[in-house]
Amino acid sequence: MVKQQILNCDIVDLLHDGRGVGRIKGKAYFVEGALPGESVEFQVSNEKRNYAEGRVRSISVASEHRVEPDCKHFSRCGGCSLQHLEHQKQIEFKKNQVLNSFERANVKPESLRTPLSGSQWGYRRRARLAVQRTRDGQFIIGFRNSGSRRIEPITECLVLDKPLAALLAVLPQWLKLLPVDIAIFEIELVSADNAIAIALEASRRLKDDELTVIAKSIQSLSEKSLQLWWKVGKNGQFRRLDEGAEQLYLKLSGNLKFCFEPGQFIQVNGDINTKMVDQMLQLVSPTSSGVAVDLFCGAGNLSLPLTKQFDQVIGVEGLDSLVAGAAKNALDNEITNAQFFIADLTQKNSLNQIKKIPKSLDLVVLDPPRSGALDVMPWITKSGAKQVIYISCHPSTMARDAKYLLDAGYKIKDLGVLDMFPHTAHVEAMALFEK
């Protein structure tokens, strides 16, 4: 078969990234924009020996769960991939993704929780936008097209927090105030509870006179308080350039305040994050009050709430800046029973170097990146923790890591999906393991 061929097939499943799966003469075709139960005509875009990829051209039989996407940029913008599927069916799809991953790993939970869900629109409080300056000095901002480096210019984004979405219309004009020799590579927008941060990754620093013009003009972009942050190059660190001093913060369960900076990890869906923390605390045994260890702790999103229930909480993270941020958050919240340590959790013996972790643990919580927690699983299985709560953004690596716990005598008591990213194929899950 040649590239760009037009074919027809029935769609029988969804791939983990939201593409429809069909078969022709036994060969799998992954079709962007297609849903299970549909008969589609599609154009082949990439042909491999064992599979091929394509994009829908027309639909002869549509799924009963297909809906008209609300966003005018959908299908071109790479931000969302499932707006054409009913929201409840999206959650069901994600639940099945998790269950299928565990089934393939021969892991079966004792019970399933009702998925945690919230608003499907306006939930995203952080976004990274690609930027390009055209030859005539205009700025294009948006998300990159799915599968390419091309930027899709966006003038609206329905999943963004409303104050952030409103900035999309005014940012291109504001960027024209920048000196022509400065290249902007990326813009990070963050909506905190007290302010909005506009953080730019640029090719050079601003000179004093240039900064005066830019900093003075920024407050005209929004009715909310705005902060200007700047860094030079991918490996630079964001520095605040406006004259304000108040830190960005988010409110957590238990009347806690979580301070952070642009570039640091936060859960982008505030509503689901609150529900996630509450569910974590509900899963903890009511008799637990000893020591909890939070691996991949970031700046304390899970560690801080755990201090309300445990005598001692120990957080471990791989970045100095996050460990320092977590310690400061504990101090600012007058928390005295938490300690934070730096360790490279991609190294198998890293946790053995932290001598202040007690030999007897009540709980281990971990929220690793997509690659999972393979290197710390042996340590967790030997920790003696009565409970392990694993929060994952990648079901396959979570199921892989779960086998270590099962082999060590743990049972998976509870498993549930978190709808952290509506209209995308990203899956978040939480599992409880007990001895």
Protein backbone atom coordinates (compact mmCIF):
# COMPACT_ATOMS: atom_id res chain seq x y z
CA MET A 1 0.00 0.00 0.00
CA VAL A 2 1.21 3.48 -0.76
CA LYS A 3 1.23 6.49 1.50
CA GLN A 4 -1.81 8.80 1.28
CA GLN A 5 -4.08 5.93 0.18
CA ILE A 6 -7.80 6.31 0.93
CA LEU A 7 -9.31 3.31 2.75
CA ASN A 8 -12.50 2.28 4.55
CA CYS A 9 -12.88 0.29 7.76
CA ASP A 10 -14.97 -0.30 10.87
CA ILE A 11 -13.60 1.07 14.16
CA VAL A 12 -13.64 -1.45 16.99
CA ASP A 13 -11.65 0.19 19.81
CA LEU A 14 -9.83 3.29 21.05
CA LEU A 15 -6.06 3.46 21.36
CA HIS A 16 -4.53 4.85 24.56
CA ASP A 17 -4.05 8.24 22.84
CA GLY A 18 -7.70 8.49 21.74
CA ARG A 19 -7.35 7.33 18.13
CA GLY A 20 -9.79 4.80 16.74
CA VAL A 21 -8.55 1.29 16.00
CA GLY A 22 -9.68 -0.63 12.92
CA ARG A 23 -8.38 -3.66 11.02
CA ILE A 24 -8.07 -4.45 7.33
CA LYS A 25 -6.94 -7.98 6.45
CA GLY A 26 -5.61 -8.37 9.97
CA LYS A 27 -3.50 -5.21 9.94
CA ALA A 28 -4.20 -2.54 12.57
CA TYR A 29 -5.02 1.01 11.50
CA PHE A 30 -4.94 3.84 14.02
CA VAL A 31 -7.35 6.51 12.81
CA GLU A 32 -7.40 10.00 14.30
CA GLY A 33 -10.92 11.35 14.78
CA ALA A 34 -12.67 7.94 14.69
CA LEU A 35 -14.71 6.31 17.46
CA PRO A 36 -15.67 2.69 18.20
CA GLY A 37 -18.80 1.57 16.37
CA GLU A 38 -18.15 3.84 13.39
CA SER A 39 -17.55 3.06 9.74
CA VAL A 40 -15.14 5.59 8.32
CA GLU A 41 -13.22 6.58 5.25
CA PHE A 42 -9.71 7.68 6.14
CA GLN A 43 -6.47 8.77 4.55
CA VAL A 44 -3.33 6.83 5.37
CA SER A 45 -0.60 9.16 6.63
CA ASN A 46 2.04 6.76 7.88
CA GLU A 47 2.54 3.16 6.77
CA LYS A 48 4.50 0.64 8.83
CA ARG A 49 4.97 -3.08 8.43
CA ASN A 50 2.66 -4.11 11.30
CA TYR A 51 0.35 -1.10 11.49
CA ALA A 52 -0.57 2.15 9.79
CA GLU A 53 -1.84 5.57 10.83
CA GLY A 54 -4.43 7.82 9.27
CA ARG A 55 -7.01 10.55 9.68
CA VAL A 56 -10.77 10.47 9.14
CA ARG A 57 -12.06 11.96 5.89
CA SER A 58 -15.74 11.01 6.23
CA ILE A 59 -18.02 8.93 8.46
CA SER A 60 -20.68 6.69 6.92
CA VAL A 61 -21.90 5.26 10.25
CA ALA A 62 -21.43 7.48 13.30
CA SER A 63 -21.21 6.40 16.94
CA GLU A 64 -24.23 7.19 19.10
CA HIS A 65 -21.75 8.74 21.55
CA ARG A 66 -20.26 11.18 19.03
CA VAL A 67 -20.90 14.85 19.81
CA GLU A 68 -20.09 18.07 18.00
CA PRO A 69 -16.90 19.56 19.51
CA ASP A 70 -17.52 22.91 21.18
CA CYS A 71 -14.09 24.34 20.35
CA LYS A 72 -13.52 25.76 16.87
CA HIS A 73 -9.84 24.76 17.04
CA PHE A 74 -10.50 21.09 17.76
CA SER A 75 -8.90 18.60 15.36
CA ARG A 76 -6.17 21.12 14.45
CA CYS A 77 -4.98 22.10 17.91
CA GLY A 78 -3.00 19.37 19.67
CA GLY A 79 -4.39 20.25 23.11
CA CYS A 80 -7.53 18.08 23.12
CA SER A 81 -8.14 14.74 21.42
CA LEU A 82 -11.56 13.57 22.67
CA GLN A 83 -13.97 16.50 22.38
CA HIS A 84 -15.96 14.50 19.80
CA LEU A 85 -16.80 11.87 22.44
CA GLU A 86 -19.42 12.36 25.17
CA HIS A 87 -17.76 13.36 28.42
CA GLN A 88 -19.11 10.42 30.41
CA LYS A 89 -17.90 8.05 27.71
CA GLN A 90 -14.45 9.67 27.94
CA ILE A 91 -14.36 8.75 31.63
CA GLU A 92 -15.50 5.22 30.83
CA PHE A 93 -12.77 4.95 28.20
CA LYS A 94 -10.15 6.03 30.74
CA LYS A 95 -11.47 3.59 33.32
CA ASN A 96 -11.16 0.79 30.76
CA GLN A 97 -7.62 1.90 29.91
CA VAL A 98 -6.62 1.41 33.54
CA LEU A 99 -8.44 -1.90 33.93
CA ASN A 100 -6.98 -3.25 30.68
CA SER A 101 -3.46 -2.31 31.78
CA PHE A 102 -3.95 -4.14 35.08
CA GLU A 103 -5.52 -7.13 33.36
CA ARG A 104 -2.56 -7.45 30.99
CA ALA A 105 -0.29 -7.44 34.04
CA ASN A 106 -2.53 -10.09 35.68
CA VAL A 107 -3.39 -7.70 38.53
CA LYS A 108 -6.96 -7.59 39.81
CA PRO A 109 -8.21 -5.00 42.32
CA GLU A 110 -10.61 -6.08 45.06
CA SER A 111 -12.89 -3.07 44.49
CA LEU A 112 -13.34 -0.18 42.07
CA ARG A 113 -14.12 3.37 43.13
CA THR A 114 -16.49 5.73 41.36
CA PRO A 115 -14.35 7.95 39.08
CA LEU A 116 -13.57 11.41 40.43
CA SER A 117 -14.86 13.98 37.96
CA GLY A 118 -15.73 17.66 37.83
CA SER A 119 -16.35 20.39 35.29
CA GLN A 120 -15.32 19.47 31.77
CA TRP A 121 -14.65 23.12 30.81
CA GLY A 122 -12.50 25.89 32.28
CA TYR A 123 -10.59 23.49 34.53
CA ARG A 124 -7.02 24.02 33.37
CA ARG A 125 -5.09 26.50 35.51
CA ARG A 126 -1.79 26.15 33.70
CA ALA A 127 -0.81 26.08 30.03
CA ARG A 128 2.37 26.16 27.98
CA LEU A 129 1.95 27.97 24.67
CA ALA A 130 4.24 27.77 21.68
CA VAL A 131 5.22 31.13 20.16
CA GLN A 132 6.41 32.26 16.74
CA ARG A 133 7.19 35.74 15.40
CA THR A 134 6.35 36.13 11.72
CA ARG A 135 8.42 38.10 9.23
CA ASP A 136 6.09 41.08 9.46
CA GLY A 137 6.51 41.24 13.26
CA GLN A 138 3.21 39.59 14.23
CA PHE A 139 3.09 36.92 16.92
CA ILE A 140 1.41 33.52 16.62
CA ILE A 141 0.64 31.77 19.90
CA GLY A 142 -1.06 28.45 20.39
CA PHE A 143 -0.54 24.71 20.72
CA ARG A 144 1.35 22.60 18.24
CA ASN A 145 -0.68 20.55 15.79
CA SER A 146 -0.97 16.90 16.66
CA GLY A 147 2.01 15.06 15.18
CA SER A 148 3.81 18.15 13.85
CA ARG A 149 5.80 21.21 14.90
CA ARG A 150 3.35 23.64 13.31
CA ILE A 151 1.67 26.03 15.75
CA GLU A 152 -2.10 26.25 15.57
CA PRO A 153 -2.98 29.90 16.35
CA ILE A 154 -5.70 29.90 18.99
CA THR A 155 -8.00 32.72 19.99
CA GLU A 156 -9.99 30.71 22.51
CA CYS A 157 -9.49 27.63 24.68
CA LEU A 158 -12.53 26.21 26.44
CA VAL A 159 -10.58 24.01 28.85
CA LEU A 160 -8.47 26.90 30.14
CA ASP A 161 -9.38 28.74 33.30
CA LYS A 162 -11.38 31.79 32.12
CA PRO A 163 -8.82 34.48 33.10
CA LEU A 164 -6.13 32.55 31.19
CA ALA A 165 -8.38 32.04 28.18
CA ALA A 166 -9.04 35.79 28.06
CA LEU A 167 -5.30 36.44 27.72
CA LEU A 168 -5.15 34.57 24.42
CA ALA A 169 -6.76 37.50 22.60
CA VAL A 170 -4.43 40.18 23.98
CA LEU A 171 -1.06 38.45 24.30
CA PRO A 172 -0.04 38.67 20.59
CA GLN A 173 -0.39 42.46 20.59
CA TRP A 174 1.37 42.83 23.93
CA LEU A 175 4.32 40.73 22.73
CA LYS A 176 4.95 43.27 19.97
CA LEU A 177 6.29 45.60 22.69
CA LEU A 178 9.33 43.33 22.99
CA PRO A 179 12.56 44.31 21.21
CA VAL A 180 12.75 42.74 17.75
CA ASP A 181 16.00 40.92 18.51
CA ILE A 182 14.44 38.91 21.35
CA ALA A 183 13.06 35.51 20.37
CA ILE A 184 10.30 34.07 22.55
CA PHE A 185 10.22 30.27 22.54
CA GLU A 186 7.42 29.49 24.97
CA ILE A 187 4.90 31.19 27.26
CA GLU A 188 3.68 29.59 30.44
CA LEU A 189 0.40 30.91 31.85
CA VAL A 190 -0.55 30.04 35.42
CA SER A 191 -3.72 30.95 37.28
CA ALA A 192 -3.10 30.91 41.03
CA ASP A 193 -5.67 31.81 43.67
CA ASN A 194 -4.15 35.26 44.15
CA ALA A 195 -2.69 36.19 40.74
CA ILE A 196 -1.91 35.20 37.18
CA ALA A 197 1.67 34.59 36.11
CA ILE A 198 2.92 35.19 32.58
CA ALA A 199 6.27 33.45 32.28
CA LEU A 200 8.34 33.79 29.11
CA GLU A 201 11.24 31.70 27.86
CA ALA A 202 13.38 34.04 25.79
CA SER A 203 16.68 34.27 23.92
CA ARG A 204 18.14 37.02 26.12
CA ARG A 205 17.48 39.11 29.20
CA LEU A 206 15.63 42.40 29.14
CA LYS A 207 17.68 45.56 29.57
CA ASP A 208 16.55 47.97 32.27
CA ASP A 209 14.81 50.41 29.92
CA GLU A 210 13.12 47.53 28.06
CA LEU A 211 11.94 46.00 31.33
CA THR A 212 10.39 49.30 32.43
CA VAL A 213 8.14 49.37 29.33
CA ILE A 214 7.16 45.68 29.53
CA ALA A 215 6.52 45.58 33.29
CA LYS A 216 4.43 48.77 33.16
CA SER A 217 2.24 47.45 30.36
CA ILE A 218 1.50 44.01 31.78
CA GLN A 219 -1.24 45.07 34.20
CA SER A 220 -3.40 46.25 31.32
CA LEU A 221 -3.82 42.65 30.12
CA SER A 222 -6.16 41.46 32.86
CA GLU A 223 -8.40 42.59 35.70
CA LYS A 224 -6.64 40.08 37.97
CA SER A 225 -3.26 40.81 39.52
CA LEU A 226 -0.51 39.84 37.05
CA GLN A 227 3.08 38.74 37.60
CA LEU A 228 5.83 38.79 34.96
CA TRP A 229 8.42 36.01 35.01
CA TRP A 230 11.34 35.52 32.64
CA LYS A 231 14.03 32.98 31.89
CA VAL A 232 16.74 32.66 29.23
CA GLY A 233 16.88 29.33 27.41
CA LYS A 234 15.45 25.91 28.25
CA ASN A 235 17.81 25.33 31.15
CA GLY A 236 17.36 28.74 32.73
CA GLN A 237 15.38 29.41 35.89
CA PHE A 238 12.38 31.72 36.00
CA ARG A 239 12.92 35.02 37.80
CA ARG A 240 10.17 37.46 38.65
CA LEU A 241 10.60 40.84 36.93
CA ASP A 242 7.71 42.97 38.19
CA GLU A 243 7.95 44.81 41.48
CA GLY A 244 5.46 42.68 43.44
CA ALA A 245 6.55 40.42 46.27
CA GLU A 246 3.59 38.14 47.02
CA GLN A 247 4.13 34.52 46.07
CA LEU A 248 1.76 32.59 43.85
CA TYR A 249 -0.34 30.24 45.93
CA LEU A 250 -3.11 27.65 45.73
CA LYS A 251 -5.38 26.58 48.55
CA LEU A 252 -5.31 22.92 49.55
CA SER A 253 -7.63 20.80 51.67
CA GLY A 254 -7.40 21.47 55.39
CA ASN A 255 -7.05 25.25 55.05
CA LEU A 256 -3.49 24.92 53.78
CA LYS A 257 -1.71 27.28 51.39
CA PHE A 258 0.59 25.86 48.69
CA CYS A 259 3.11 28.34 47.25
CA PHE A 260 4.91 27.68 43.97
CA GLU A 261 6.67 29.33 41.02
CA PRO A 262 6.24 29.03 37.25
CA GLY A 263 8.08 26.01 35.90
CA GLN A 264 7.36 23.96 39.01
CA PHE A 265 4.93 21.07 38.85
CA ILE A 266 1.36 21.65 39.99
CA GLN A 267 -1.78 19.63 39.32
CA VAL A 268 -3.50 21.70 36.63
CA ASN A 269 -7.06 20.77 37.64
CA GLY A 270 -7.71 22.39 41.01
CA ASP A 271 -11.10 20.79 41.62
CA ILE A 272 -9.88 17.26 40.92
CA ASN A 273 -6.70 17.87 42.90
CA THR A 274 -8.82 18.72 45.96
CA LYS A 275 -10.94 15.61 45.45
CA MET A 276 -7.80 13.52 44.91
CA VAL A 277 -6.26 14.69 48.19
CA ASP A 278 -9.53 14.10 50.04
CA GLN A 279 -9.78 10.58 48.59
CA MET A 280 -6.19 9.83 49.57
CA LEU A 281 -6.96 10.81 53.16
CA GLN A 282 -10.15 8.71 53.13
CA LEU A 283 -8.19 5.65 51.99
CA VAL A 284 -5.70 5.93 54.81
CA SER A 285 -6.51 3.58 57.67
CA PRO A 286 -8.29 5.46 60.48
CA THR A 287 -5.89 3.89 62.97
CA SER A 288 -2.82 5.24 61.17
CA SER A 289 -0.98 7.99 63.00
CA GLY A 290 2.69 7.09 62.73
CA VAL A 291 5.02 7.80 59.82
CA ALA A 292 4.08 8.56 56.21
CA VAL A 293 6.61 8.86 53.37
CA ASP A 294 5.67 10.82 50.24
CA LEU A 295 7.86 9.95 47.24
CA PHE A 296 8.05 12.33 44.25
CA CYS A 297 6.58 14.86 46.68
CA GLY A 298 7.10 18.02 44.60
CA ALA A 299 6.53 21.12 46.71
CA GLY A 300 4.22 19.28 49.12
CA ASN A 301 0.86 18.89 47.39
CA LEU A 302 0.24 15.56 49.18
CA SER A 303 2.74 15.84 52.04
CA LEU A 304 1.19 18.92 53.62
CA PRO A 305 -2.34 17.45 53.98
CA LEU A 306 -0.88 14.18 55.35
CA THR A 307 0.63 16.08 58.31
CA LYS A 308 -2.89 16.51 59.70
CA GLN A 309 -3.20 12.75 60.22
CA PHE A 310 0.33 11.47 60.82
CA ASP A 311 2.83 12.11 63.59
CA GLN A 312 5.64 12.42 61.06
CA VAL A 313 5.66 13.01 57.29
CA ILE A 314 8.80 12.65 55.17
CA GLY A 315 8.79 13.96 51.60
CA VAL A 316 11.40 12.98 49.01
CA GLU A 317 11.98 14.70 45.68
CA GLY A 318 14.76 14.87 43.08
CA LEU A 319 15.01 18.64 42.58
CA ASP A 320 16.61 21.02 45.09
CA SER A 321 14.16 23.81 44.24
CA LEU A 322 11.12 21.63 44.96
CA VAL A 323 12.54 20.31 48.23
CA ALA A 324 13.23 23.88 49.31
CA GLY A 325 9.72 24.88 48.24
CA ALA A 326 8.14 22.02 50.20
CA ALA A 327 10.10 22.92 53.34
CA LYS A 328 9.06 26.56 53.02
CA ASN A 329 5.42 25.59 52.48
CA ALA A 330 5.53 23.55 55.67
CA LEU A 331 7.06 26.48 57.55
CA ASP A 332 4.53 28.97 56.15
CA ASN A 333 1.67 26.70 57.23
CA GLU A 334 3.21 26.30 60.72
CA ILE A 335 3.70 22.58 60.13
CA THR A 336 6.37 21.13 62.42
CA ASN A 337 6.02 17.40 61.76
CA ALA A 338 7.29 17.30 58.15
CA GLN A 339 10.80 16.92 56.75
CA PHE A 340 11.89 16.99 53.13
CA PHE A 341 14.93 15.39 51.49
CA ILE A 342 16.49 15.32 48.05
CA ALA A 343 17.17 11.98 46.36
CA ASP A 344 17.37 10.78 42.77
CA LEU A 345 14.42 8.38 42.70
CA THR A 346 15.59 6.94 39.39
CA GLN A 347 18.49 5.34 41.29
CA LYS A 348 17.75 2.08 43.12
CA ASN A 349 19.67 2.78 46.33
CA SER A 350 18.94 6.49 46.66
CA LEU A 351 16.47 6.13 49.54
CA ASN A 352 18.92 4.08 51.58
CA GLN A 353 21.03 7.23 51.90
CA ILE A 354 18.30 9.04 53.86
CA LYS A 355 19.06 7.86 57.39
CA LYS A 356 16.18 9.77 58.98
CA ILE A 357 13.52 7.54 57.41
CA PRO A 358 12.40 5.21 60.23
CA LYS A 359 12.50 1.45 59.84
CA SER A 360 8.78 1.14 60.55
CA LEU A 361 6.36 2.99 58.23
CA ASP A 362 2.59 3.24 58.23
CA LEU A 363 2.13 4.67 54.74
CA VAL A 364 4.04 5.26 51.52
CA VAL A 365 2.46 7.61 48.97
CA LEU A 366 3.94 8.04 45.52
CA ASP A 367 2.96 10.14 42.52
CA PRO A 368 5.71 9.45 39.96
CA PRO A 369 6.10 10.74 36.38
CA ARG A 370 4.91 8.72 33.36
CA SER A 371 7.97 6.49 33.54
CA GLY A 372 6.72 5.14 36.85
CA ALA A 373 8.64 4.19 39.98
CA LEU A 374 10.48 1.03 38.98
CA ASP A 375 13.72 1.90 40.76
CA VAL A 376 12.12 2.59 44.16
CA MET A 377 9.68 -0.35 44.16
CA PRO A 378 12.20 -2.73 45.82
CA TRP A 379 12.69 -0.17 48.60
CA ILE A 380 8.93 0.24 49.05
CA THR A 381 8.38 -3.52 49.29
CA LYS A 382 11.05 -3.73 52.02
CA SER A 383 9.85 -0.64 53.89
CA GLY A 384 7.26 -2.56 55.90
CA ALA A 385 4.62 0.07 55.11
CA LYS A 386 1.15 -1.13 56.06
CA GLN A 387 -0.40 0.84 53.19
CA VAL A 388 0.83 2.12 49.83
CA ILE A 389 -1.14 4.68 47.83
CA TYR A 390 0.04 4.94 44.23
CA ILE A 391 -1.15 7.86 42.08
CA SER A 392 -0.31 7.50 38.42
CA CYS A 393 -0.55 9.39 35.13
CA HIS A 394 0.34 6.29 33.10
CA PRO A 395 -1.65 3.07 33.74
CA SER A 396 0.86 0.72 32.08
CA THR A 397 3.80 1.68 34.30
CA MET A 398 1.50 1.68 37.35
CA ALA A 399 0.37 -1.89 36.58
CA ARG A 400 4.00 -2.92 36.02
CA ASP A 401 5.07 -1.48 39.37
CA ALA A 402 2.05 -3.01 41.15
CA LYS A 403 3.40 -6.50 40.54
CA TYR A 404 6.31 -5.74 42.88
CA LEU A 405 3.86 -5.01 45.67
CA LEU A 406 1.76 -8.10 44.98
CA ASP A 407 4.86 -10.31 44.99
CA ALA A 408 5.77 -8.82 48.37
CA GLY A 409 2.45 -9.81 49.94
CA TYR A 410 0.38 -6.68 49.34
CA LYS A 411 -3.16 -6.79 47.98
CA ILE A 412 -4.65 -4.11 45.76
CA LYS A 413 -7.68 -3.10 47.78
CA ASP A 414 -8.93 -0.15 45.78
CA LEU A 415 -8.55 1.32 42.31
CA GLY A 416 -10.13 4.40 40.77
CA VAL A 417 -9.81 6.85 37.91
CA LEU A 418 -9.42 10.62 38.26
CA ASP A 419 -10.74 12.73 35.38
CA MET A 420 -7.90 15.21 35.71
CA PHE A 421 -7.80 16.16 32.01
CA PRO A 422 -11.27 16.14 30.37
CA HIS A 423 -11.29 16.02 26.55
CA THR A 424 -7.75 14.62 26.43
CA ALA A 425 -6.60 11.01 26.45
CA HIS A 426 -4.47 11.53 29.57
CA VAL A 427 -5.41 9.06 32.31
CA GLU A 428 -4.89 9.58 36.04
CA ALA A 429 -5.53 6.79 38.56
CA MET A 430 -5.18 6.05 42.26
CA ALA A 431 -4.65 2.63 43.84
CA LEU A 432 -4.51 1.48 47.45
CA PHE A 433 -2.32 -1.50 48.44
CA GLU A 434 -2.37 -3.10 51.87
CA LYS A 435 -0.36 -5.83 53.56
